């Protein structure tokens, strides 16, 4: 029996698996339901938690979320997920996971997690949308917010803004 949305989710999972090649992560199918699938996330042989892929058939969009996974691991996976096709995906920012009411943190701590994870991708074809959105949220002037969002794929520009608010001279 095929679940509703299963072929679409499988295709998206294959795309995601290709993005994970060369990283320390891999995923393995765990279960399917209508409009949803769970994949176990591994680093080497260690289980890190589950990645849940939701499918919205009316808009043909996907969203990932986590189950029993460290927030920094999920932030990295979510950025890799978002890099697949940030314009057509429903990608919630990892920052929203890190800053929820149950886990309040200093904004620079959150940005530091992004920075440390993403800096290794600075010279690759990578979209830093989740980092850019979290960074833009820390600025009150619209010019800075706009510049950050317009340069979401340029790590050097994002780093400049990150350094202004999080690095002490």
Protein backbone atom coordinates (compact mmCIF):
# COMPACT_ATOMS: atom_id res chain seq x y z
CA UNK A 1 0.00 0.00 0.00
CA UNK A 2 1.28 3.42 -0.96
CA UNK A 3 0.59 6.35 1.33
CA UNK A 4 -0.64 9.71 0.02
CA UNK A 5 2.41 11.74 -0.98
CA UNK A 6 4.83 8.84 -0.54
CA UNK A 7 6.33 9.00 -4.06
CA UNK A 8 6.90 12.74 -3.76
CA UNK A 9 8.46 12.41 -0.31
CA UNK A 10 10.70 9.57 -1.48
CA UNK A 11 11.93 11.71 -4.38
CA UNK A 12 12.65 14.61 -2.02
CA UNK A 13 14.47 12.29 0.40
CA UNK A 14 16.68 11.03 -2.44
CA UNK A 15 17.57 14.65 -3.29
CA UNK A 16 18.39 15.27 0.36
CA UNK A 17 20.52 12.12 0.58
CA UNK A 18 22.56 13.40 -2.37
CA UNK A 19 23.12 16.68 -0.51
CA UNK A 20 24.36 14.72 2.50
CA UNK A 21 27.11 13.01 0.50
CA UNK A 22 30.40 14.40 1.73
CA UNK A 23 28.94 15.40 5.11
CA UNK A 24 29.14 13.37 8.29
CA UNK A 25 25.43 12.53 8.15
CA UNK A 26 23.30 9.90 6.47
CA UNK A 27 19.60 9.11 6.66
CA UNK A 28 17.70 5.85 6.58
CA UNK A 29 14.00 5.35 5.98
CA UNK A 30 12.04 4.62 9.15
CA UNK A 31 8.32 4.91 8.38
CA UNK A 32 5.72 6.47 6.10
CA UNK A 33 2.23 7.81 6.71
CA UNK A 34 -0.07 9.97 4.61
CA UNK A 35 1.74 13.24 3.84
CA UNK A 36 4.68 12.40 6.17
CA UNK A 37 7.79 10.24 6.49
CA UNK A 38 10.37 9.70 9.21
CA UNK A 39 14.04 9.07 8.57
CA UNK A 40 16.63 8.07 11.14
CA UNK A 41 19.68 10.36 11.08
CA UNK A 42 23.10 8.82 11.65
CA UNK A 43 26.61 10.08 12.17
CA UNK A 44 28.81 7.05 11.51
CA UNK A 45 26.87 4.31 13.34
CA UNK A 46 25.40 6.59 16.02
CA UNK A 47 21.71 7.48 15.84
CA UNK A 48 21.24 11.24 16.27
CA UNK A 49 17.44 11.37 16.08
CA UNK A 50 14.75 11.43 13.43
CA UNK A 51 14.11 13.82 10.57
CA UNK A 52 10.45 14.16 9.66
CA UNK A 53 9.52 15.24 6.14
CA UNK A 54 6.03 16.68 5.75
CA UNK A 55 4.41 17.08 2.34
CA UNK A 56 1.68 19.58 1.46
CA UNK A 57 0.09 18.30 -1.76
CA UNK A 58 -2.03 21.40 -2.41
CA UNK A 59 1.12 23.51 -2.83
CA UNK A 60 3.55 20.69 -3.61
CA UNK A 61 5.83 21.88 -0.79
CA UNK A 62 7.90 20.09 1.81
CA UNK A 63 8.97 20.91 5.34
CA UNK A 64 11.40 19.19 7.64
CA UNK A 65 11.24 18.94 11.39
CA UNK A 66 12.99 16.85 13.99
CA UNK A 67 12.26 14.32 16.69
CA UNK A 68 14.66 13.71 19.60
CA UNK A 69 17.58 15.45 17.92
CA UNK A 70 20.12 17.95 19.23
CA UNK A 71 19.25 21.49 18.09
CA UNK A 72 22.68 22.13 16.57
CA UNK A 73 22.53 18.93 14.51
CA UNK A 74 19.06 19.85 13.32
CA UNK A 75 20.21 23.39 12.49
CA UNK A 76 22.94 21.99 10.26
CA UNK A 77 20.60 19.50 8.58
CA UNK A 78 17.99 22.18 8.10
CA UNK A 79 20.50 24.44 6.39
CA UNK A 80 21.51 21.61 4.08
CA UNK A 81 17.81 20.91 3.46
CA UNK A 82 17.14 24.59 2.79
CA UNK A 83 20.04 24.75 0.34
CA UNK A 84 18.20 22.30 -1.93
CA UNK A 85 15.71 24.88 -3.10
CA UNK A 86 15.08 27.68 -0.65
CA UNK A 87 12.57 29.43 -2.90
CA UNK A 88 10.23 26.46 -3.32
CA UNK A 89 10.53 24.90 0.12
CA UNK A 90 8.68 25.62 3.31
CA UNK A 91 11.77 25.75 5.48
CA UNK A 92 11.35 26.91 9.03
CA UNK A 93 14.53 28.45 10.37
CA UNK A 94 16.56 26.45 12.82
CA UNK A 95 16.72 29.64 14.85
CA UNK A 96 13.05 29.27 15.64
CA UNK A 97 13.83 25.85 17.07
CA UNK A 98 16.76 27.22 19.05
CA UNK A 99 14.86 30.21 20.39
CA UNK A 100 11.55 28.68 21.31
CA UNK A 101 10.07 29.52 24.71
CA UNK A 102 11.36 26.28 26.25
CA UNK A 103 14.94 27.07 25.23
CA UNK A 104 15.64 30.83 25.37
CA UNK A 105 19.19 31.81 24.46
CA UNK A 106 21.27 34.86 23.72
CA UNK A 107 20.87 35.75 20.00
CA UNK A 108 24.66 35.76 19.57
CA UNK A 109 24.80 32.18 20.90
CA UNK A 110 22.33 31.14 18.22
CA UNK A 111 24.20 33.03 15.52
CA UNK A 112 27.45 31.48 16.72
CA UNK A 113 25.99 28.00 16.18
CA UNK A 114 25.06 28.95 12.63
CA UNK A 115 28.41 30.59 12.00
CA UNK A 116 30.44 27.64 13.29
CA UNK A 117 28.40 25.14 11.29
CA UNK A 118 28.19 27.10 8.04
CA UNK A 119 31.65 28.66 7.74
CA UNK A 120 33.01 25.48 6.13
CA UNK A 121 30.56 26.00 3.24
CA UNK A 122 31.55 29.63 2.59
CA UNK A 123 33.29 28.93 -0.73
CA UNK A 124 30.77 26.39 -2.02
CA UNK A 125 27.53 26.86 -3.90
CA UNK A 126 25.40 27.07 -0.75
CA UNK A 127 22.42 29.11 0.36
CA UNK A 128 22.74 30.45 3.91
CA UNK A 129 19.07 31.47 4.14
CA UNK A 130 18.51 30.25 7.70
CA UNK A 131 21.59 32.13 8.96
CA UNK A 132 20.60 35.25 7.04
CA UNK A 133 17.06 35.28 8.47
CA UNK A 134 18.28 34.85 12.04
CA UNK A 135 20.90 37.55 11.48
CA UNK A 136 18.41 39.98 9.91
CA UNK A 137 16.14 39.57 12.92
CA UNK A 138 18.86 41.10 15.11
CA UNK A 139 18.94 44.37 13.17
CA UNK A 140 16.35 47.10 13.61
CA UNK A 141 17.14 49.16 10.49
CA UNK A 142 15.48 48.06 7.26
CA UNK A 143 18.57 48.80 5.11
CA UNK A 144 20.66 46.24 7.01
CA UNK A 145 17.84 43.69 7.01
CA UNK A 146 17.37 44.12 3.28
CA UNK A 147 21.09 43.85 2.57
CA UNK A 148 21.38 40.68 4.66
CA UNK A 149 18.39 39.05 2.96
CA UNK A 150 19.59 40.05 -0.51
CA UNK A 151 23.00 38.48 0.18
CA UNK A 152 21.76 35.24 1.79
CA UNK A 153 24.08 33.22 -0.48
CA UNK A 154 27.18 35.37 0.18
CA UNK A 155 28.84 34.23 3.39
CA UNK A 156 31.36 37.08 3.38
CA UNK A 157 28.58 39.70 3.57
CA UNK A 158 26.75 37.76 6.28
CA UNK A 159 30.01 37.41 8.22
CA UNK A 160 30.47 41.18 8.15
CA UNK A 161 27.06 41.69 9.81
CA UNK A 162 27.66 38.81 12.22
CA UNK A 163 30.95 40.37 13.34
CA UNK A 164 29.29 43.75 13.94
CA UNK A 165 26.94 42.38 16.57
CA UNK A 166 28.59 39.26 17.96
CA UNK A 167 32.37 39.73 17.87
CA UNK A 168 33.87 41.99 20.50
CA UNK A 169 36.80 44.11 19.27
